[in-house]
Amino acid sequence: MNRKIFINLPVTDVARSATFFEALGFSRNPRFSGEGGACIVVSDTVIVMLLSHARFRDFTPKQVCDTRQAVEVLLTLTCQSRDEVDELVARALAAGGSSYDQSEDDGFMYSHSFVDPDGHGWGLVHMRDASA
């Protein structure tokens, strides 16, 4: 069975956040997008649901994390090449994201990261041996 993962993230502005991820080259699935959220297709197995804070709270009784003050989660995506890592970081910065580190080359793995407009941290890695 090929499992899918749906990552649900609270965002302050659904349209802005969807536009950001589309600028990275990901697509929006209109069937699962609407006023309270946007469905972003990262790959066949990874889907990100960008949900307004009100819609996100429909799924949990807990407070939504203030990502300006605390980290709620770190997400990491694999990339097919070092160039793809660099390209996605550049796209994220051009679309209004930020980064708080530099790329890192460990020989077997190359990585860099960005922070989306809502403060969620996204790591990007290319591994020479992609069996991980």
N, C-alpha and C. Protein backbone atom coordinates (compact mmCIF):
# COMPACT_ATOMS: atom_id res chain seq x y z
N MET A 1 0.84 -1.18 0.00
CA MET A 1 0.00 0.00 0.00
C MET A 1 0.88 1.25 0.00
N ASN A 2 0.61 2.15 -0.90
CA ASN A 2 1.33 3.40 -0.98
C ASN A 2 0.56 4.45 -0.18
N ARG A 3 1.01 4.78 1.01
CA ARG A 3 0.30 5.71 1.88
C ARG A 3 0.52 7.15 1.45
N LYS A 4 -0.47 7.98 1.75
CA LYS A 4 -0.35 9.42 1.54
C LYS A 4 -0.30 10.09 2.90
N ILE A 5 0.32 11.25 2.94
CA ILE A 5 0.31 12.04 4.16
C ILE A 5 -0.34 13.38 3.85
N PHE A 6 -1.28 13.76 4.69
CA PHE A 6 -1.93 15.05 4.60
C PHE A 6 -1.42 15.87 5.77
N ILE A 7 -0.73 16.95 5.47
CA ILE A 7 -0.19 17.83 6.49
C ILE A 7 -1.13 19.02 6.60
N ASN A 8 -1.72 19.20 7.77
CA ASN A 8 -2.66 20.29 8.00
C ASN A 8 -1.93 21.41 8.73
N LEU A 9 -1.86 22.59 8.11
CA LEU A 9 -1.16 23.72 8.70
C LEU A 9 -2.09 24.91 8.86
N PRO A 10 -2.08 25.53 10.04
CA PRO A 10 -2.86 26.75 10.22
C PRO A 10 -2.15 27.93 9.56
N VAL A 11 -2.90 28.75 8.85
CA VAL A 11 -2.32 29.92 8.18
C VAL A 11 -3.20 31.14 8.44
N THR A 12 -2.58 32.31 8.42
CA THR A 12 -3.34 33.54 8.69
C THR A 12 -4.08 34.05 7.47
N ASP A 13 -3.59 33.74 6.27
CA ASP A 13 -4.21 34.21 5.04
C ASP A 13 -4.12 33.08 4.01
N VAL A 14 -5.21 32.37 3.82
CA VAL A 14 -5.23 31.19 2.95
C VAL A 14 -4.78 31.53 1.53
N ALA A 15 -5.30 32.61 0.97
CA ALA A 15 -4.95 32.98 -0.41
C ALA A 15 -3.46 33.28 -0.54
N ARG A 16 -2.92 34.04 0.39
CA ARG A 16 -1.48 34.38 0.35
C ARG A 16 -0.64 33.12 0.47
N SER A 17 -1.01 32.24 1.39
CA SER A 17 -0.24 31.02 1.59
C SER A 17 -0.31 30.11 0.37
N ALA A 18 -1.48 29.98 -0.23
CA ALA A 18 -1.63 29.15 -1.43
C ALA A 18 -0.79 29.72 -2.58
N THR A 19 -0.82 31.03 -2.74
CA THR A 19 -0.02 31.67 -3.78
C THR A 19 1.47 31.41 -3.56
N PHE A 20 1.90 31.46 -2.30
CA PHE A 20 3.30 31.18 -1.96
C PHE A 20 3.69 29.78 -2.43
N PHE A 21 2.91 28.77 -2.07
CA PHE A 21 3.27 27.40 -2.42
C PHE A 21 3.14 27.14 -3.93
N GLU A 22 2.22 27.81 -4.58
CA GLU A 22 2.13 27.69 -6.04
C GLU A 22 3.37 28.31 -6.70
N ALA A 23 3.92 29.35 -6.09
CA ALA A 23 5.15 29.97 -6.63
C ALA A 23 6.34 29.02 -6.51
N LEU A 24 6.25 28.05 -5.62
CA LEU A 24 7.32 27.05 -5.49
C LEU A 24 7.18 25.95 -6.54
N GLY A 25 6.07 25.97 -7.29
CA GLY A 25 5.86 24.97 -8.33
C GLY A 25 4.89 23.88 -7.94
N PHE A 26 4.28 23.97 -6.75
CA PHE A 26 3.29 22.99 -6.33
C PHE A 26 1.92 23.41 -6.86
N SER A 27 1.02 22.45 -7.00
CA SER A 27 -0.29 22.77 -7.56
C SER A 27 -1.37 22.78 -6.48
N ARG A 28 -2.45 23.50 -6.79
CA ARG A 28 -3.60 23.55 -5.90
C ARG A 28 -4.68 22.62 -6.45
N ASN A 29 -5.25 21.82 -5.57
CA ASN A 29 -6.36 20.96 -5.96
C ASN A 29 -7.65 21.71 -5.63
N PRO A 30 -8.34 22.25 -6.65
CA PRO A 30 -9.53 23.05 -6.38
C PRO A 30 -10.67 22.26 -5.76
N ARG A 31 -10.68 20.95 -5.96
CA ARG A 31 -11.73 20.11 -5.41
C ARG A 31 -11.75 20.15 -3.88
N PHE A 32 -10.57 20.30 -3.27
CA PHE A 32 -10.47 20.32 -1.82
C PHE A 32 -10.03 21.69 -1.29
N SER A 33 -10.27 22.72 -2.07
CA SER A 33 -9.92 24.08 -1.68
C SER A 33 -11.18 24.92 -1.63
N GLY A 34 -11.18 25.89 -0.76
CA GLY A 34 -12.33 26.77 -0.64
C GLY A 34 -12.01 27.92 0.29
N GLU A 35 -13.04 28.55 0.80
CA GLU A 35 -12.88 29.72 1.64
C GLU A 35 -12.03 29.46 2.88
N GLY A 36 -12.19 28.30 3.50
CA GLY A 36 -11.48 28.01 4.75
C GLY A 36 -10.15 27.32 4.59
N GLY A 37 -9.79 26.97 3.36
CA GLY A 37 -8.53 26.27 3.18
C GLY A 37 -8.18 26.04 1.72
N ALA A 38 -6.94 25.64 1.52
CA ALA A 38 -6.45 25.32 0.18
C ALA A 38 -5.65 24.02 0.25
N CYS A 39 -5.89 23.17 -0.72
CA CYS A 39 -5.20 21.88 -0.81
C CYS A 39 -4.03 22.04 -1.78
N ILE A 40 -2.81 21.88 -1.28
CA ILE A 40 -1.61 22.01 -2.10
C ILE A 40 -1.01 20.63 -2.32
N VAL A 41 -0.84 20.25 -3.57
CA VAL A 41 -0.30 18.95 -3.92
C VAL A 41 1.21 19.09 -4.12
N VAL A 42 1.96 18.51 -3.19
CA VAL A 42 3.42 18.54 -3.27
C VAL A 42 3.93 17.39 -4.12
N SER A 43 3.32 16.22 -3.96
CA SER A 43 3.66 15.04 -4.75
C SER A 43 2.46 14.10 -4.72
N ASP A 44 2.61 12.94 -5.34
CA ASP A 44 1.53 11.95 -5.33
C ASP A 44 1.20 11.48 -3.92
N THR A 45 2.13 11.60 -3.00
CA THR A 45 1.93 11.08 -1.65
C THR A 45 1.94 12.14 -0.56
N VAL A 46 2.21 13.40 -0.90
CA VAL A 46 2.27 14.47 0.10
C VAL A 46 1.32 15.60 -0.30
N ILE A 47 0.36 15.86 0.58
CA ILE A 47 -0.62 16.91 0.35
C ILE A 47 -0.61 17.83 1.57
N VAL A 48 -0.55 19.13 1.34
CA VAL A 48 -0.56 20.10 2.43
C VAL A 48 -1.90 20.83 2.41
N MET A 49 -2.60 20.76 3.53
CA MET A 49 -3.86 21.48 3.69
C MET A 49 -3.56 22.77 4.44
N LEU A 50 -3.70 23.90 3.75
CA LEU A 50 -3.50 25.21 4.36
C LEU A 50 -4.86 25.66 4.88
N LEU A 51 -5.01 25.73 6.19
CA LEU A 51 -6.31 25.99 6.79
C LEU A 51 -6.30 27.30 7.57
N SER A 52 -7.37 28.07 7.42
CA SER A 52 -7.51 29.28 8.24
C SER A 52 -7.49 28.84 9.70
N HIS A 53 -7.11 29.74 10.59
CA HIS A 53 -7.06 29.39 12.01
C HIS A 53 -8.42 28.88 12.49
N ALA A 54 -9.50 29.51 12.04
CA ALA A 54 -10.84 29.08 12.45
C ALA A 54 -11.11 27.65 11.98
N ARG A 55 -10.78 27.35 10.74
CA ARG A 55 -11.01 25.99 10.20
C ARG A 55 -10.10 24.98 10.89
N PHE A 56 -8.85 25.35 11.16
CA PHE A 56 -7.91 24.46 11.82
C PHE A 56 -8.43 24.07 13.20
N ARG A 57 -9.02 25.04 13.91
CA ARG A 57 -9.54 24.77 15.25
C ARG A 57 -10.74 23.81 15.24
N ASP A 58 -11.34 23.59 14.08
CA ASP A 58 -12.39 22.59 13.97
C ASP A 58 -11.85 21.18 14.22
N PHE A 59 -10.55 20.99 14.08
CA PHE A 59 -9.93 19.67 14.20
C PHE A 59 -9.23 19.44 15.54
N THR A 60 -9.08 20.48 16.35
CA THR A 60 -8.37 20.33 17.62
C THR A 60 -8.88 21.33 18.65
N PRO A 61 -8.94 20.90 19.90
CA PRO A 61 -9.36 21.84 20.95
C PRO A 61 -8.19 22.70 21.44
N LYS A 62 -6.98 22.41 21.00
CA LYS A 62 -5.79 23.13 21.47
C LYS A 62 -5.62 24.46 20.76
N GLN A 63 -4.88 25.35 21.39
CA GLN A 63 -4.57 26.64 20.79
C GLN A 63 -3.64 26.45 19.59
N VAL A 64 -3.77 27.31 18.60
CA VAL A 64 -2.88 27.31 17.44
C VAL A 64 -1.56 27.96 17.87
N CYS A 65 -0.47 27.33 17.51
CA CYS A 65 0.86 27.82 17.87
C CYS A 65 1.16 29.15 17.20
N ASP A 66 1.71 30.09 17.95
CA ASP A 66 2.18 31.36 17.38
C ASP A 66 3.59 31.12 16.88
N THR A 67 3.75 30.92 15.58
CA THR A 67 5.05 30.56 15.01
C THR A 67 6.06 31.70 15.03
N ARG A 68 5.63 32.89 15.44
CA ARG A 68 6.61 33.97 15.66
C ARG A 68 7.35 33.76 16.97
N GLN A 69 6.75 32.98 17.87
CA GLN A 69 7.30 32.76 19.20
C GLN A 69 7.80 31.34 19.45
N ALA A 70 7.22 30.37 18.76
CA ALA A 70 7.53 28.96 19.04
C ALA A 70 7.49 28.15 17.74
N VAL A 71 8.15 27.01 17.77
CA VAL A 71 8.14 26.10 16.62
C VAL A 71 7.11 25.02 16.88
N GLU A 72 6.23 24.80 15.91
CA GLU A 72 5.22 23.75 16.08
C GLU A 72 5.66 22.46 15.42
N VAL A 73 6.38 22.57 14.31
CA VAL A 73 6.78 21.39 13.54
C VAL A 73 7.86 21.82 12.55
N LEU A 74 8.75 20.91 12.22
CA LEU A 74 9.70 21.12 11.13
C LEU A 74 9.40 20.06 10.08
N LEU A 75 9.22 20.49 8.86
CA LEU A 75 8.87 19.60 7.76
C LEU A 75 10.07 19.49 6.83
N THR A 76 10.34 18.30 6.32
CA THR A 76 11.47 18.12 5.42
C THR A 76 11.02 17.37 4.18
N LEU A 77 11.40 17.93 3.03
CA LEU A 77 11.10 17.30 1.74
C LEU A 77 12.40 16.86 1.09
N THR A 78 12.37 15.70 0.44
CA THR A 78 13.52 15.30 -0.34
C THR A 78 13.45 15.94 -1.72
N CYS A 79 14.61 16.19 -2.28
CA CYS A 79 14.73 16.77 -3.62
C CYS A 79 15.58 15.85 -4.47
N GLN A 80 15.41 15.95 -5.79
CA GLN A 80 16.13 15.07 -6.70
C GLN A 80 17.56 15.50 -6.95
N SER A 81 17.89 16.76 -6.62
CA SER A 81 19.24 17.25 -6.87
C SER A 81 19.56 18.43 -5.96
N ARG A 82 20.85 18.77 -5.89
CA ARG A 82 21.27 19.97 -5.17
C ARG A 82 20.64 21.20 -5.82
N ASP A 83 20.59 21.20 -7.14
CA ASP A 83 20.01 22.34 -7.86
C ASP A 83 18.55 22.54 -7.47
N GLU A 84 17.80 21.44 -7.29
CA GLU A 84 16.40 21.57 -6.90
C GLU A 84 16.29 22.17 -5.49
N VAL A 85 17.18 21.77 -4.59
CA VAL A 85 17.20 22.36 -3.24
C VAL A 85 17.38 23.87 -3.35
N ASP A 86 18.42 24.28 -4.08
CA ASP A 86 18.72 25.71 -4.23
C ASP A 86 17.59 26.46 -4.93
N GLU A 87 17.00 25.83 -5.94
CA GLU A 87 15.92 26.48 -6.70
C GLU A 87 14.69 26.70 -5.82
N LEU A 88 14.31 25.71 -5.01
CA LEU A 88 13.14 25.86 -4.15
C LEU A 88 13.37 26.93 -3.08
N VAL A 89 14.57 27.00 -2.53
CA VAL A 89 14.86 28.05 -1.55
C VAL A 89 14.78 29.42 -2.23
N ALA A 90 15.34 29.54 -3.42
CA ALA A 90 15.29 30.81 -4.15
C ALA A 90 13.85 31.20 -4.46
N ARG A 91 13.03 30.25 -4.88
CA ARG A 91 11.62 30.54 -5.15
C ARG A 91 10.89 30.97 -3.88
N ALA A 92 11.19 30.29 -2.78
CA ALA A 92 10.55 30.63 -1.51
C ALA A 92 10.90 32.05 -1.09
N LEU A 93 12.16 32.42 -1.21
CA LEU A 93 12.58 33.78 -0.85
C LEU A 93 11.93 34.82 -1.76
N ALA A 94 11.86 34.52 -3.06
CA ALA A 94 11.24 35.45 -4.02
C ALA A 94 9.75 35.60 -3.78
N ALA A 95 9.11 34.55 -3.21
CA ALA A 95 7.66 34.58 -2.99
C ALA A 95 7.27 35.12 -1.62
N GLY A 96 8.26 35.60 -0.86
CA GLY A 96 7.94 36.20 0.44
C GLY A 96 8.32 35.37 1.64
N GLY A 97 8.96 34.24 1.44
CA GLY A 97 9.44 33.44 2.55
C GLY A 97 10.77 33.97 3.05
N SER A 98 11.35 33.29 4.01
CA SER A 98 12.65 33.68 4.55
C SER A 98 13.47 32.43 4.83
N SER A 99 14.71 32.63 5.22
CA SER A 99 15.57 31.53 5.61
C SER A 99 16.44 32.01 6.75
N TYR A 100 16.74 31.13 7.68
CA TYR A 100 17.59 31.51 8.80
C TYR A 100 18.87 30.69 8.85
N ASP A 101 19.19 30.01 7.77
CA ASP A 101 20.44 29.27 7.73
C ASP A 101 21.04 29.32 6.32
N GLN A 102 22.17 28.70 6.18
CA GLN A 102 22.86 28.58 4.90
C GLN A 102 22.78 27.13 4.44
N SER A 103 23.00 26.91 3.16
CA SER A 103 23.03 25.52 2.68
C SER A 103 24.17 24.79 3.38
N GLU A 104 24.01 23.49 3.49
CA GLU A 104 25.01 22.67 4.16
C GLU A 104 25.30 21.44 3.33
N ASP A 105 26.57 21.19 3.07
CA ASP A 105 26.99 20.04 2.28
C ASP A 105 27.75 19.08 3.18
N ASP A 106 27.14 17.93 3.48
CA ASP A 106 27.77 16.91 4.32
C ASP A 106 28.36 15.78 3.48
N GLY A 107 28.52 16.01 2.19
CA GLY A 107 29.05 14.98 1.31
C GLY A 107 27.97 14.03 0.82
N PHE A 108 27.38 13.27 1.72
CA PHE A 108 26.31 12.34 1.36
C PHE A 108 24.95 13.03 1.27
N MET A 109 24.87 14.24 1.87
CA MET A 109 23.60 14.95 1.91
C MET A 109 23.83 16.45 1.77
N TYR A 110 22.98 17.09 0.99
CA TYR A 110 23.00 18.53 0.80
C TYR A 110 21.67 19.06 1.28
N SER A 111 21.68 20.13 2.09
CA SER A 111 20.43 20.62 2.64
C SER A 111 20.39 22.14 2.73
N HIS A 112 19.21 22.65 2.81
CA HIS A 112 18.94 24.07 3.03
C HIS A 112 17.48 24.14 3.49
N SER A 113 17.04 25.31 3.91
CA SER A 113 15.65 25.39 4.38
C SER A 113 15.08 26.77 4.13
N PHE A 114 13.76 26.85 4.28
CA PHE A 114 13.07 28.14 4.21
C PHE A 114 11.95 28.14 5.22
N VAL A 115 11.45 29.32 5.49
CA VAL A 115 10.31 29.49 6.38
C VAL A 115 9.21 30.14 5.56
N ASP A 116 8.01 29.54 5.58
CA ASP A 116 6.91 30.09 4.79
C ASP A 116 6.35 31.34 5.47
N PRO A 117 5.47 32.08 4.81
CA PRO A 117 4.96 33.34 5.40
C PRO A 117 4.26 33.18 6.75
N ASP A 118 3.86 31.96 7.10
CA ASP A 118 3.21 31.74 8.39
C ASP A 118 4.16 31.19 9.44
N GLY A 119 5.45 31.13 9.12
CA GLY A 119 6.45 30.71 10.11
C GLY A 119 6.71 29.23 10.20
N HIS A 120 6.16 28.42 9.29
CA HIS A 120 6.42 26.98 9.29
C HIS A 120 7.77 26.72 8.63
N GLY A 121 8.62 25.94 9.30
CA GLY A 121 9.95 25.63 8.77
C GLY A 121 9.93 24.44 7.83
N TRP A 122 10.54 24.62 6.66
CA TRP A 122 10.61 23.58 5.63
C TRP A 122 12.07 23.29 5.31
N GLY A 123 12.52 22.07 5.59
CA GLY A 123 13.85 21.63 5.22
C GLY A 123 13.81 20.97 3.85
N LEU A 124 14.87 21.13 3.11
CA LEU A 124 15.00 20.50 1.79
C LEU A 124 16.31 19.73 1.78
N VAL A 125 16.27 18.48 1.38
CA VAL A 125 17.48 17.66 1.37
C VAL A 125 17.60 16.89 0.06
N HIS A 126 18.85 16.78 -0.39
CA HIS A 126 19.17 15.88 -1.50
C HIS A 126 20.21 14.91 -0.94
N MET A 127 19.89 13.62 -1.01
CA MET A 127 20.82 12.60 -0.53
C MET A 127 21.40 11.84 -1.70
N ARG A 128 22.71 11.71 -1.69
CA ARG A 128 23.39 10.99 -2.76
C ARG A 128 22.82 9.58 -2.88
N ASP A 129 22.63 8.89 -1.74
CA ASP A 129 22.00 7.58 -1.72
C ASP A 129 20.56 7.79 -1.29
N ALA A 130 19.63 7.78 -2.25
CA ALA A 130 18.23 8.12 -1.99
C ALA A 130 17.43 6.99 -1.35
N SER A 131 18.09 6.00 -0.77
CA SER A 131 17.35 4.89 -0.17
C SER A 131 16.78 5.23 1.20
N ALA A 132 17.08 6.40 1.73
CA ALA A 132 16.59 6.78 3.07
C ALA A 132 15.12 7.14 3.03
